[in-house]
Amino acid sequence: MGNSDTFVRVRSSYERSFEPGHTVISEGSLGDKLYIIQAGGIELVRQGGEGERVVARLGPGDFFGELALMKDRASTARAVAVGPTRVLELDRETLEGMCLEQPAIAIRLVRILVARLIEAERRLALIGADDLMRPLVRALQRGAEPAQEAGAGFRLATTLRGLAEESGLSLRETHRALHQLLDRKLLALVDDCLRVPDLEALSACLDSPD
């Protein structure tokens, strides 16, 4: 079967249409579909401690939902239709079958994923440490609890993923900002638990204007 036949069959069976503002994927949901945008657009929105922010805008030819589909992970962002939008909605079995039947599809997916990784690395290099520090410090302030031991400062009963969700940063950005704070001795890791020796010193990271 040729490429055109494959895509005609897939389009007729798996194409979905969404009205503007429709939530295609909810943040935190367990996804089992890959979505390829045919027309319109999608915004990926992440909820953080300071409200929602758009982390990516996708258009025709782009795809989303791949991490939840391939790694059985909860979605880290909400996917919202921007304007009338048409997508191909593919489950794992259908996607694998298409890649086996048409290896060019698998190659294209890999190329796009590599391009996204390169772009993420570029954006991370351009982001100043302070731009990451402020939302993370605010999240740490909200979650800090007095330690039971005298003179031990404050403790944080959370995880890297929990801090990322609370601050609205990616896991990679959160990890980078945490290391900055650890290097400055504003945070300490004691028995696998984050400690804040001096909450006022940590809050001083917010002195620079947003």
N, C-alpha and C. Protein backbone atom coordinates (compact mmCIF):
# COMPACT_ATOMS: atom_id res chain seq x y z
N MET A 1 0.85 -1.19 0.00
CA MET A 1 0.00 0.00 0.00
C MET A 1 0.88 1.23 0.00
N GLY A 2 0.61 2.24 -0.83
CA GLY A 2 1.43 3.42 -0.96
C GLY A 2 1.20 4.40 0.17
N ASN A 3 2.08 5.43 0.18
CA ASN A 3 1.98 6.46 1.22
C ASN A 3 0.63 7.13 1.22
N SER A 4 0.13 7.51 0.02
CA SER A 4 -1.14 8.23 -0.06
C SER A 4 -2.28 7.38 0.47
N ASP A 5 -2.27 6.08 0.14
CA ASP A 5 -3.32 5.20 0.64
C ASP A 5 -3.30 5.11 2.15
N THR A 6 -2.09 5.02 2.71
CA THR A 6 -1.95 4.93 4.16
C THR A 6 -2.53 6.16 4.84
N PHE A 7 -2.16 7.34 4.34
CA PHE A 7 -2.61 8.56 4.98
C PHE A 7 -4.10 8.81 4.77
N VAL A 8 -4.63 8.43 3.63
CA VAL A 8 -6.07 8.57 3.41
C VAL A 8 -6.83 7.69 4.39
N ARG A 9 -6.35 6.45 4.58
CA ARG A 9 -7.01 5.54 5.51
C ARG A 9 -6.92 6.06 6.94
N VAL A 10 -5.75 6.53 7.33
CA VAL A 10 -5.58 7.05 8.68
C VAL A 10 -6.43 8.29 8.90
N ARG A 11 -6.42 9.20 7.91
CA ARG A 11 -7.18 10.44 8.07
C ARG A 11 -8.66 10.17 8.20
N SER A 12 -9.18 9.26 7.42
CA SER A 12 -10.62 8.99 7.47
C SER A 12 -11.03 8.33 8.78
N SER A 13 -10.11 7.61 9.42
CA SER A 13 -10.46 6.87 10.64
C SER A 13 -10.11 7.62 11.92
N TYR A 14 -9.10 8.47 11.87
CA TYR A 14 -8.57 9.02 13.11
C TYR A 14 -8.60 10.54 13.19
N GLU A 15 -9.13 11.21 12.19
CA GLU A 15 -9.15 12.67 12.24
C GLU A 15 -10.21 13.16 13.23
N ARG A 16 -9.85 14.15 14.02
CA ARG A 16 -10.75 14.75 15.00
C ARG A 16 -10.74 16.27 14.81
N SER A 17 -11.89 16.90 15.06
CA SER A 17 -11.99 18.36 14.95
C SER A 17 -12.35 18.94 16.31
N PHE A 18 -11.76 20.09 16.63
CA PHE A 18 -12.00 20.74 17.92
C PHE A 18 -12.32 22.22 17.71
N GLU A 19 -13.23 22.72 18.52
CA GLU A 19 -13.58 24.13 18.49
C GLU A 19 -12.54 24.94 19.28
N PRO A 20 -12.44 26.26 19.03
CA PRO A 20 -11.49 27.08 19.77
C PRO A 20 -11.71 26.97 21.29
N GLY A 21 -10.63 26.82 22.02
CA GLY A 21 -10.70 26.75 23.46
C GLY A 21 -10.91 25.35 24.02
N HIS A 22 -11.13 24.37 23.14
CA HIS A 22 -11.36 23.00 23.61
C HIS A 22 -10.07 22.42 24.19
N THR A 23 -10.17 21.79 25.35
CA THR A 23 -9.02 21.12 25.97
C THR A 23 -8.89 19.71 25.40
N VAL A 24 -7.83 19.50 24.64
CA VAL A 24 -7.59 18.19 24.02
C VAL A 24 -6.97 17.23 25.03
N ILE A 25 -6.00 17.73 25.81
CA ILE A 25 -5.37 16.95 26.87
C ILE A 25 -5.36 17.79 28.13
N SER A 26 -5.76 17.22 29.25
CA SER A 26 -5.74 17.92 30.53
C SER A 26 -4.40 17.68 31.21
N GLU A 27 -3.89 18.71 31.89
CA GLU A 27 -2.65 18.56 32.64
C GLU A 27 -2.84 17.52 33.74
N GLY A 28 -1.90 16.60 33.83
CA GLY A 28 -1.97 15.56 34.85
C GLY A 28 -2.69 14.31 34.42
N SER A 29 -3.32 14.35 33.23
CA SER A 29 -4.05 13.16 32.77
C SER A 29 -3.08 12.14 32.18
N LEU A 30 -3.45 10.87 32.26
CA LEU A 30 -2.65 9.80 31.67
C LEU A 30 -3.03 9.68 30.20
N GLY A 31 -2.12 10.06 29.32
CA GLY A 31 -2.43 10.04 27.90
C GLY A 31 -2.16 8.71 27.26
N ASP A 32 -2.93 8.40 26.24
CA ASP A 32 -2.69 7.17 25.48
C ASP A 32 -2.84 7.43 23.99
N LYS A 33 -2.67 8.70 23.59
CA LYS A 33 -2.80 9.08 22.19
C LYS A 33 -1.68 10.04 21.79
N LEU A 34 -1.29 9.96 20.52
CA LEU A 34 -0.42 10.95 19.90
C LEU A 34 -1.28 11.78 18.97
N TYR A 35 -1.11 13.09 18.99
CA TYR A 35 -1.92 13.98 18.17
C TYR A 35 -1.02 14.70 17.16
N ILE A 36 -1.39 14.60 15.89
CA ILE A 36 -0.66 15.29 14.83
C ILE A 36 -1.57 16.37 14.27
N ILE A 37 -1.13 17.62 14.33
CA ILE A 37 -1.97 18.75 13.92
C ILE A 37 -2.05 18.82 12.40
N GLN A 38 -3.27 18.83 11.89
CA GLN A 38 -3.51 18.95 10.46
C GLN A 38 -3.83 20.39 10.06
N ALA A 39 -4.58 21.09 10.90
CA ALA A 39 -4.96 22.47 10.63
C ALA A 39 -5.26 23.15 11.96
N GLY A 40 -5.08 24.47 12.00
CA GLY A 40 -5.32 25.20 13.24
C GLY A 40 -4.07 25.22 14.10
N GLY A 41 -4.25 25.25 15.41
CA GLY A 41 -3.11 25.31 16.30
C GLY A 41 -3.44 24.83 17.70
N ILE A 42 -2.40 24.58 18.46
CA ILE A 42 -2.52 24.09 19.83
C ILE A 42 -1.58 24.90 20.71
N GLU A 43 -2.07 25.32 21.87
CA GLU A 43 -1.21 25.91 22.89
C GLU A 43 -1.05 24.91 24.03
N LEU A 44 0.18 24.74 24.49
CA LEU A 44 0.46 23.91 25.66
C LEU A 44 0.58 24.84 26.85
N VAL A 45 -0.30 24.65 27.83
CA VAL A 45 -0.40 25.56 28.98
C VAL A 45 -0.06 24.79 30.25
N ARG A 46 0.81 25.36 31.06
CA ARG A 46 1.21 24.70 32.31
C ARG A 46 0.78 25.55 33.50
N GLN A 47 0.23 24.90 34.50
CA GLN A 47 -0.21 25.57 35.72
C GLN A 47 0.94 25.61 36.71
N GLY A 48 1.22 26.79 37.26
CA GLY A 48 2.26 26.94 38.26
C GLY A 48 1.77 27.74 39.43
N GLY A 49 2.66 28.03 40.35
CA GLY A 49 2.29 28.78 41.53
C GLY A 49 1.84 30.19 41.22
N GLU A 50 2.25 30.72 40.07
CA GLU A 50 1.88 32.09 39.70
C GLU A 50 0.82 32.10 38.61
N GLY A 51 0.09 31.01 38.47
CA GLY A 51 -0.96 30.93 37.46
C GLY A 51 -0.52 30.15 36.23
N GLU A 52 -1.34 30.22 35.19
CA GLU A 52 -1.04 29.49 33.97
C GLU A 52 -0.08 30.27 33.08
N ARG A 53 0.73 29.52 32.33
CA ARG A 53 1.57 30.16 31.32
C ARG A 53 1.66 29.25 30.11
N VAL A 54 1.73 29.86 28.94
CA VAL A 54 1.86 29.12 27.69
C VAL A 54 3.32 28.73 27.51
N VAL A 55 3.58 27.43 27.42
CA VAL A 55 4.97 26.96 27.29
C VAL A 55 5.33 26.60 25.86
N ALA A 56 4.33 26.46 24.98
CA ALA A 56 4.61 26.15 23.57
C ALA A 56 3.38 26.42 22.72
N ARG A 57 3.62 26.82 21.48
CA ARG A 57 2.56 27.00 20.49
C ARG A 57 2.89 26.12 19.29
N LEU A 58 1.96 25.26 18.91
CA LEU A 58 2.19 24.29 17.85
C LEU A 58 1.25 24.54 16.69
N GLY A 59 1.71 24.20 15.48
CA GLY A 59 0.90 24.39 14.29
C GLY A 59 0.87 23.15 13.42
N PRO A 60 0.31 23.27 12.21
CA PRO A 60 0.20 22.11 11.31
C PRO A 60 1.54 21.41 11.11
N GLY A 61 1.50 20.09 11.22
CA GLY A 61 2.71 19.28 11.09
C GLY A 61 3.35 18.94 12.41
N ASP A 62 3.07 19.74 13.45
CA ASP A 62 3.60 19.44 14.78
C ASP A 62 2.77 18.35 15.44
N PHE A 63 3.33 17.74 16.47
CA PHE A 63 2.59 16.72 17.21
C PHE A 63 2.79 16.94 18.70
N PHE A 64 1.90 16.36 19.50
CA PHE A 64 2.00 16.47 20.95
C PHE A 64 1.38 15.22 21.58
N GLY A 65 1.68 15.02 22.87
CA GLY A 65 1.18 13.85 23.57
C GLY A 65 2.12 12.66 23.49
N GLU A 66 3.31 12.86 22.89
CA GLU A 66 4.19 11.71 22.64
C GLU A 66 4.80 11.14 23.92
N LEU A 67 5.13 11.99 24.90
CA LEU A 67 5.75 11.47 26.11
C LEU A 67 4.77 10.62 26.92
N ALA A 68 3.54 11.12 27.05
CA ALA A 68 2.54 10.35 27.79
C ALA A 68 2.25 9.03 27.09
N LEU A 69 2.25 9.05 25.76
CA LEU A 69 1.96 7.83 24.99
C LEU A 69 3.10 6.82 25.10
N MET A 70 4.32 7.29 24.94
CA MET A 70 5.45 6.38 24.86
C MET A 70 6.01 5.96 26.23
N LYS A 71 5.84 6.81 27.23
CA LYS A 71 6.43 6.54 28.53
C LYS A 71 5.39 6.30 29.62
N ASP A 72 4.10 6.26 29.28
CA ASP A 72 3.03 6.05 30.26
C ASP A 72 3.14 7.06 31.41
N ARG A 73 3.37 8.32 31.04
CA ARG A 73 3.51 9.38 32.03
C ARG A 73 2.33 10.32 31.95
N ALA A 74 2.00 10.93 33.09
CA ALA A 74 0.94 11.93 33.10
C ALA A 74 1.39 13.15 32.31
N SER A 75 0.44 13.79 31.65
CA SER A 75 0.76 14.97 30.86
C SER A 75 1.21 16.11 31.77
N THR A 76 2.26 16.81 31.37
CA THR A 76 2.79 17.92 32.17
C THR A 76 2.21 19.26 31.75
N ALA A 77 1.33 19.28 30.76
CA ALA A 77 0.73 20.53 30.31
C ALA A 77 -0.67 20.26 29.74
N ARG A 78 -1.47 21.30 29.70
CA ARG A 78 -2.81 21.22 29.11
C ARG A 78 -2.71 21.65 27.65
N ALA A 79 -3.28 20.87 26.74
CA ALA A 79 -3.26 21.18 25.31
C ALA A 79 -4.62 21.77 24.93
N VAL A 80 -4.60 23.01 24.43
CA VAL A 80 -5.83 23.74 24.13
C VAL A 80 -5.86 24.14 22.67
N ALA A 81 -6.99 23.93 22.00
CA ALA A 81 -7.13 24.30 20.59
C ALA A 81 -7.18 25.82 20.45
N VAL A 82 -6.43 26.34 19.49
CA VAL A 82 -6.43 27.77 19.17
C VAL A 82 -7.10 27.93 17.82
N GLY A 83 -8.32 28.39 17.82
CA GLY A 83 -9.08 28.44 16.59
C GLY A 83 -9.58 27.05 16.23
N PRO A 84 -10.38 26.93 15.17
CA PRO A 84 -10.83 25.60 14.71
C PRO A 84 -9.61 24.74 14.38
N THR A 85 -9.55 23.57 14.95
CA THR A 85 -8.34 22.74 14.83
C THR A 85 -8.70 21.32 14.46
N ARG A 86 -7.91 20.75 13.53
CA ARG A 86 -8.08 19.34 13.15
C ARG A 86 -6.78 18.60 13.45
N VAL A 87 -6.91 17.43 14.04
CA VAL A 87 -5.75 16.61 14.39
C VAL A 87 -5.99 15.17 13.99
N LEU A 88 -4.90 14.42 13.85
CA LEU A 88 -4.98 12.97 13.77
C LEU A 88 -4.72 12.43 15.18
N GLU A 89 -5.63 11.62 15.67
CA GLU A 89 -5.54 11.05 17.02
C GLU A 89 -5.16 9.58 16.90
N LEU A 90 -3.90 9.26 17.24
CA LEU A 90 -3.38 7.92 17.03
C LEU A 90 -3.05 7.24 18.35
N ASP A 91 -3.54 6.01 18.55
CA ASP A 91 -3.14 5.26 19.73
C ASP A 91 -1.80 4.58 19.46
N ARG A 92 -1.23 3.95 20.48
CA ARG A 92 0.11 3.37 20.36
C ARG A 92 0.17 2.29 19.27
N GLU A 93 -0.83 1.43 19.23
CA GLU A 93 -0.83 0.34 18.25
C GLU A 93 -0.88 0.86 16.82
N THR A 94 -1.74 1.87 16.61
CA THR A 94 -1.85 2.46 15.27
C THR A 94 -0.55 3.14 14.86
N LEU A 95 0.05 3.89 15.78
CA LEU A 95 1.30 4.59 15.48
C LEU A 95 2.41 3.59 15.16
N GLU A 96 2.52 2.54 15.96
CA GLU A 96 3.55 1.54 15.72
C GLU A 96 3.35 0.86 14.36
N GLY A 97 2.09 0.58 14.03
CA GLY A 97 1.80 -0.02 12.73
C GLY A 97 2.19 0.88 11.59
N MET A 98 1.91 2.18 11.71
CA MET A 98 2.27 3.13 10.66
C MET A 98 3.78 3.21 10.51
N CYS A 99 4.52 3.21 11.63
CA CYS A 99 5.97 3.31 11.56
C CYS A 99 6.59 2.06 10.93
N LEU A 100 6.01 0.90 11.20
CA LEU A 100 6.51 -0.33 10.59
C LEU A 100 6.20 -0.36 9.10
N GLU A 101 5.02 0.12 8.73
CA GLU A 101 4.60 0.11 7.33
C GLU A 101 5.32 1.18 6.53
N GLN A 102 5.55 2.34 7.18
CA GLN A 102 6.21 3.46 6.51
C GLN A 102 7.35 3.96 7.40
N PRO A 103 8.56 3.40 7.31
CA PRO A 103 9.67 3.83 8.17
C PRO A 103 9.97 5.32 8.08
N ALA A 104 9.60 5.96 6.98
CA ALA A 104 9.84 7.40 6.86
C ALA A 104 9.10 8.17 7.94
N ILE A 105 7.96 7.65 8.39
CA ILE A 105 7.20 8.31 9.45
C ILE A 105 8.00 8.29 10.74
N ALA A 106 8.58 7.12 11.08
CA ALA A 106 9.39 7.00 12.29
C ALA A 106 10.59 7.93 12.24
N ILE A 107 11.23 8.01 11.06
CA ILE A 107 12.40 8.87 10.91
C ILE A 107 12.02 10.33 11.14
N ARG A 108 10.86 10.73 10.60
CA ARG A 108 10.41 12.12 10.76
C ARG A 108 10.11 12.42 12.23
N LEU A 109 9.48 11.48 12.93
CA LEU A 109 9.19 11.69 14.35
C LEU A 109 10.48 11.85 15.15
N VAL A 110 11.48 11.02 14.85
CA VAL A 110 12.76 11.11 15.55
C VAL A 110 13.42 12.45 15.27
N ARG A 111 13.38 12.90 14.03
CA ARG A 111 14.00 14.18 13.68
C ARG A 111 13.34 15.34 14.44
N ILE A 112 12.03 15.29 14.53
CA ILE A 112 11.32 16.36 15.24
C ILE A 112 11.66 16.33 16.73
N LEU A 113 11.73 15.14 17.32
CA LEU A 113 12.07 15.02 18.74
C LEU A 113 13.49 15.53 19.00
N VAL A 114 14.42 15.22 18.10
CA VAL A 114 15.79 15.71 18.25
C VAL A 114 15.82 17.23 18.13
N ALA A 115 15.07 17.79 17.17
CA ALA A 115 15.02 19.24 17.00
C ALA A 115 14.45 19.91 18.25
N ARG A 116 13.45 19.28 18.86
CA ARG A 116 12.88 19.83 20.09
C ARG A 116 13.91 19.81 21.22
N LEU A 117 14.68 18.75 21.30
CA LEU A 117 15.69 18.66 22.35
C LEU A 117 16.74 19.74 22.17
N ILE A 118 17.18 19.95 20.92
CA ILE A 118 18.18 20.98 20.63
C ILE A 118 17.63 22.36 20.98
N GLU A 119 16.36 22.60 20.64
CA GLU A 119 15.74 23.89 20.95
C GLU A 119 15.60 24.09 22.46
N ALA A 120 15.25 23.02 23.17
CA ALA A 120 15.13 23.12 24.63
C ALA A 120 16.49 23.45 25.25
N GLU A 121 17.55 22.84 24.74
CA GLU A 121 18.89 23.13 25.24
C GLU A 121 19.27 24.58 24.94
N ARG A 122 18.90 25.06 23.74
CA ARG A 122 19.20 26.45 23.38
C ARG A 122 18.47 27.42 24.29
N ARG A 123 17.18 27.17 24.53
CA ARG A 123 16.39 28.04 25.38
C ARG A 123 16.91 28.03 26.81
N LEU A 124 17.31 26.86 27.26
CA LEU A 124 17.83 26.75 28.62
C LEU A 124 19.12 27.56 28.77
N ALA A 125 19.95 27.55 27.72
CA ALA A 125 21.20 28.30 27.77
C ALA A 125 20.96 29.81 27.79
N LEU A 126 19.83 30.25 27.18
CA LEU A 126 19.52 31.67 27.12
C LEU A 126 18.83 32.19 28.37
N ILE A 127 18.23 31.26 29.13
CA ILE A 127 17.50 31.68 30.32
C ILE A 127 18.48 31.99 31.44
N GLY A 128 18.40 33.17 31.99
CA GLY A 128 19.25 33.53 33.11
C GLY A 128 18.86 32.77 34.36
N ALA A 129 19.83 32.57 35.24
CA ALA A 129 19.54 31.84 36.47
C ALA A 129 18.47 32.54 37.29
N ASP A 130 18.48 33.88 37.30
CA ASP A 130 17.50 34.62 38.09
C ASP A 130 16.08 34.40 37.57
N ASP A 131 15.93 34.22 36.26
CA ASP A 131 14.60 33.98 35.70
C ASP A 131 14.01 32.67 36.20
N LEU A 132 14.86 31.71 36.50
CA LEU A 132 14.40 30.44 37.05
C LEU A 132 14.28 30.52 38.57
N MET A 133 15.16 31.32 39.18
CA MET A 133 15.23 31.35 40.63
C MET A 133 13.96 31.91 41.26
N ARG A 134 13.42 32.99 40.67
CA ARG A 134 12.30 33.68 41.32
C ARG A 134 11.08 32.78 41.51
N PRO A 135 10.57 32.11 40.45
CA PRO A 135 9.40 31.24 40.68
C PRO A 135 9.72 30.07 41.60
N LEU A 136 10.96 29.56 41.54
CA LEU A 136 11.31 28.44 42.42
C LEU A 136 11.37 28.89 43.88
N VAL A 137 11.98 30.06 44.12
CA VAL A 137 12.07 30.55 45.50
C VAL A 137 10.69 30.80 46.08
N ARG A 138 9.78 31.33 45.26
CA ARG A 138 8.41 31.54 45.75
C ARG A 138 7.76 30.22 46.12
N ALA A 139 8.01 29.19 45.31
CA ALA A 139 7.45 27.87 45.61
C ALA A 139 8.07 27.31 46.89
N LEU A 140 9.37 27.54 47.09
CA LEU A 140 10.03 27.07 48.30
C LEU A 140 9.50 27.80 49.53
N GLN A 141 9.26 29.09 49.39
CA GLN A 141 8.71 29.86 50.51
C GLN A 141 7.36 29.32 50.94
N ARG A 142 6.53 29.00 49.96
CA ARG A 142 5.18 28.51 50.29
C ARG A 142 5.23 27.13 50.95
N GLY A 143 6.22 26.32 50.58
CA GLY A 143 6.25 24.95 51.09
C GLY A 143 7.13 24.73 52.30
N ALA A 144 7.89 25.76 52.72
CA ALA A 144 8.82 25.60 53.83
C ALA A 144 8.07 25.44 55.15
N GLU A 145 8.49 24.45 55.94
CA GLU A 145 7.91 24.21 57.26
C GLU A 145 9.04 24.17 58.29
N PRO A 146 8.80 24.72 59.47
CA PRO A 146 9.86 24.70 60.50
C PRO A 146 10.31 23.27 60.80
N ALA A 147 11.61 23.07 60.82
CA ALA A 147 12.15 21.74 61.14
C ALA A 147 11.94 21.45 62.62
N GLN A 148 11.77 20.18 62.95
CA GLN A 148 11.54 19.80 64.34
C GLN A 148 12.81 19.98 65.18
N GLU A 149 13.96 19.78 64.58
CA GLU A 149 15.21 19.91 65.31
C GLU A 149 15.54 21.39 65.53
N ALA A 150 15.96 21.74 66.73
CA ALA A 150 16.30 23.13 67.05
C ALA A 150 17.48 23.59 66.19
N GLY A 151 17.34 24.78 65.61
CA GLY A 151 18.41 25.36 64.82
C GLY A 151 18.59 24.75 63.45
N ALA A 152 17.64 23.92 63.03
CA ALA A 152 17.78 23.24 61.73
C ALA A 152 17.10 24.01 60.61
N GLY A 153 16.56 25.19 60.93
CA GLY A 153 15.92 25.99 59.89
C GLY A 153 14.58 25.43 59.47
N PHE A 154 14.37 25.36 58.16
CA PHE A 154 13.09 24.92 57.62
C PHE A 154 13.31 23.70 56.73
N ARG A 155 12.30 22.85 56.65
CA ARG A 155 12.38 21.67 55.79
C ARG A 155 11.31 21.76 54.71
N LEU A 156 11.53 21.01 53.63
CA LEU A 156 10.62 21.00 52.49
C LEU A 156 10.23 19.57 52.18
N ALA A 157 8.98 19.23 52.49
CA ALA A 157 8.49 17.88 52.21
C ALA A 157 7.89 17.86 50.82
N THR A 158 8.75 17.73 49.82
CA THR A 158 8.27 17.75 48.43
C THR A 158 9.24 16.95 47.57
N THR A 159 8.95 16.88 46.30
CA THR A 159 9.78 16.19 45.32
C THR A 159 10.18 17.15 44.21
N LEU A 160 11.10 16.75 43.36
CA LEU A 160 11.49 17.58 42.23
C LEU A 160 10.30 17.86 41.34
N ARG A 161 9.48 16.84 41.09
CA ARG A 161 8.29 17.05 40.25
C ARG A 161 7.30 17.99 40.94
N GLY A 162 7.15 17.82 42.25
CA GLY A 162 6.23 18.70 42.98
C GLY A 162 6.68 20.16 42.92
N LEU A 163 7.99 20.40 43.06
CA LEU A 163 8.51 21.76 42.96
C LEU A 163 8.32 22.32 41.55
N ALA A 164 8.53 21.48 40.54
CA ALA A 164 8.36 21.93 39.15
C ALA A 164 6.91 22.35 38.91
N GLU A 165 5.97 21.55 39.38
CA GLU A 165 4.56 21.87 39.18
C GLU A 165 4.17 23.13 39.94
N GLU A 166 4.69 23.27 41.15
CA GLU A 166 4.35 24.43 41.98
C GLU A 166 4.93 25.72 41.43
N SER A 167 6.13 25.64 40.84
CA SER A 167 6.80 26.83 40.34
C SER A 167 6.49 27.12 38.88
N GLY A 168 5.89 26.14 38.17
CA GLY A 168 5.58 26.35 36.76
C GLY A 168 6.77 26.19 35.85
N LEU A 169 7.82 25.53 36.34
CA LEU A 169 9.02 25.29 35.55
C LEU A 169 9.03 23.85 35.07
N SER A 170 9.89 23.57 34.10
CA SER A 170 10.07 22.20 33.67
C SER A 170 10.96 21.49 34.71
N LEU A 171 11.00 20.16 34.65
CA LEU A 171 11.87 19.41 35.55
C LEU A 171 13.33 19.82 35.38
N ARG A 172 13.72 20.03 34.13
CA ARG A 172 15.11 20.40 33.85
C ARG A 172 15.42 21.78 34.42
N GLU A 173 14.50 22.73 34.24
CA GLU A 173 14.71 24.08 34.77
C GLU A 173 14.75 24.06 36.29
N THR A 174 13.86 23.28 36.91
CA THR A 174 13.83 23.19 38.37
C THR A 174 15.13 22.61 38.91
N HIS A 175 15.61 21.55 38.25
CA HIS A 175 16.87 20.91 38.67
C HIS A 175 18.02 21.91 38.58
N ARG A 176 18.05 22.69 37.53
CA ARG A 176 19.13 23.66 37.35
C ARG A 176 19.07 24.74 38.44
N ALA A 177 17.87 25.27 38.71
CA ALA A 177 17.73 26.32 39.72
C ALA A 177 18.04 25.79 41.11
N LEU A 178 17.65 24.57 41.42
CA LEU A 178 17.96 23.97 42.71
C LEU A 178 19.46 23.89 42.93
N HIS A 179 20.20 23.51 41.89
CA HIS A 179 21.65 23.41 42.02
C HIS A 179 22.28 24.78 42.26
N GLN A 180 21.68 25.82 41.65
CA GLN A 180 22.17 27.18 41.90
C GLN A 180 22.01 27.54 43.37
N LEU A 181 20.86 27.19 43.94
CA LEU A 181 20.61 27.50 45.35
C LEU A 181 21.49 26.66 46.27
N LEU A 182 21.70 25.40 45.91
CA LEU A 182 22.57 24.54 46.71
C LEU A 182 24.01 25.05 46.68
N ASP A 183 24.46 25.49 45.49
CA ASP A 183 25.81 26.01 45.37
C ASP A 183 26.00 27.28 46.21
N ARG A 184 24.93 28.07 46.34
CA ARG A 184 25.00 29.31 47.13
C ARG A 184 24.78 29.06 48.62
N LYS A 185 24.61 27.81 49.00
CA LYS A 185 24.36 27.42 50.40
C LYS A 185 23.04 27.98 50.92
N LEU A 186 22.13 28.34 50.02
CA LEU A 186 20.81 28.80 50.43
C LEU A 186 19.87 27.63 50.67
N LEU A 187 20.22 26.48 50.12
CA LEU A 187 19.54 25.22 50.38
C LEU A 187 20.57 24.19 50.79
N ALA A 188 20.11 23.19 51.52
CA ALA A 188 20.98 22.07 51.88
C ALA A 188 20.19 20.78 51.72
N LEU A 189 20.88 19.72 51.37
CA LEU A 189 20.25 18.40 51.24
C LEU A 189 20.72 17.55 52.42
N VAL A 190 19.78 17.25 53.31
CA VAL A 190 20.09 16.49 54.53
C VAL A 190 19.21 15.26 54.58
N ASP A 191 19.83 14.09 54.53
CA ASP A 191 19.08 12.83 54.56
C ASP A 191 17.97 12.81 53.50
N ASP A 192 18.35 13.20 52.27
CA ASP A 192 17.44 13.21 51.13
C ASP A 192 16.27 14.17 51.33
N CYS A 193 16.41 15.12 52.21
CA CYS A 193 15.36 16.12 52.45
C CYS A 193 15.96 17.51 52.27
N LEU A 194 15.27 18.38 51.53
CA LEU A 194 15.74 19.74 51.34
C LEU A 194 15.53 20.55 52.61
N ARG A 195 16.56 21.30 52.99
CA ARG A 195 16.48 22.17 54.16
C ARG A 195 16.80 23.60 53.74
N VAL A 196 16.16 24.55 54.40
CA VAL A 196 16.45 25.98 54.20
C VAL A 196 17.08 26.49 55.49
N PRO A 197 18.40 26.68 55.51
CA PRO A 197 19.05 27.13 56.75
C PRO A 197 18.58 28.51 57.20
N ASP A 198 18.37 29.41 56.22
CA ASP A 198 17.98 30.79 56.55
C ASP A 198 16.94 31.25 55.54
N LEU A 199 15.68 31.32 55.98
CA LEU A 199 14.60 31.67 55.06
C LEU A 199 14.73 33.10 54.56
N GLU A 200 15.25 34.01 55.39
CA GLU A 200 15.41 35.40 54.96
C GLU A 200 16.47 35.50 53.86
N ALA A 201 17.54 34.75 54.01
CA ALA A 201 18.58 34.76 52.98
C ALA A 201 18.05 34.20 51.67
N LEU A 202 17.23 33.14 51.77
CA LEU A 202 16.63 32.59 50.56
C LEU A 202 15.70 33.61 49.90
N SER A 203 14.91 34.31 50.71
CA SER A 203 13.97 35.29 50.17
C SER A 203 14.69 36.46 49.50
N ALA A 204 15.94 36.70 49.86
CA ALA A 204 16.70 37.79 49.26
C ALA A 204 16.92 37.59 47.77
N CYS A 205 16.72 36.34 47.29
CA CYS A 205 16.84 36.06 45.86
C CYS A 205 15.76 36.80 45.08
N LEU A 206 14.71 37.24 45.77
CA LEU A 206 13.62 37.92 45.09
C LEU A 206 13.81 39.42 45.04
N ASP A 207 14.96 39.89 45.51
CA ASP A 207 15.17 41.35 45.55
C ASP A 207 15.21 41.96 44.17
N SER A 208 15.72 41.21 43.18
CA SER A 208 15.77 41.76 41.82
C SER A 208 14.37 41.82 41.27
N PRO A 209 14.00 42.85 40.48
CA PRO A 209 12.64 43.03 39.98
C PRO A 209 12.30 41.98 38.95
N ASP A 210 10.97 41.63 38.85
CA ASP A 210 10.51 40.68 37.84
C ASP A 210 10.62 41.29 36.48
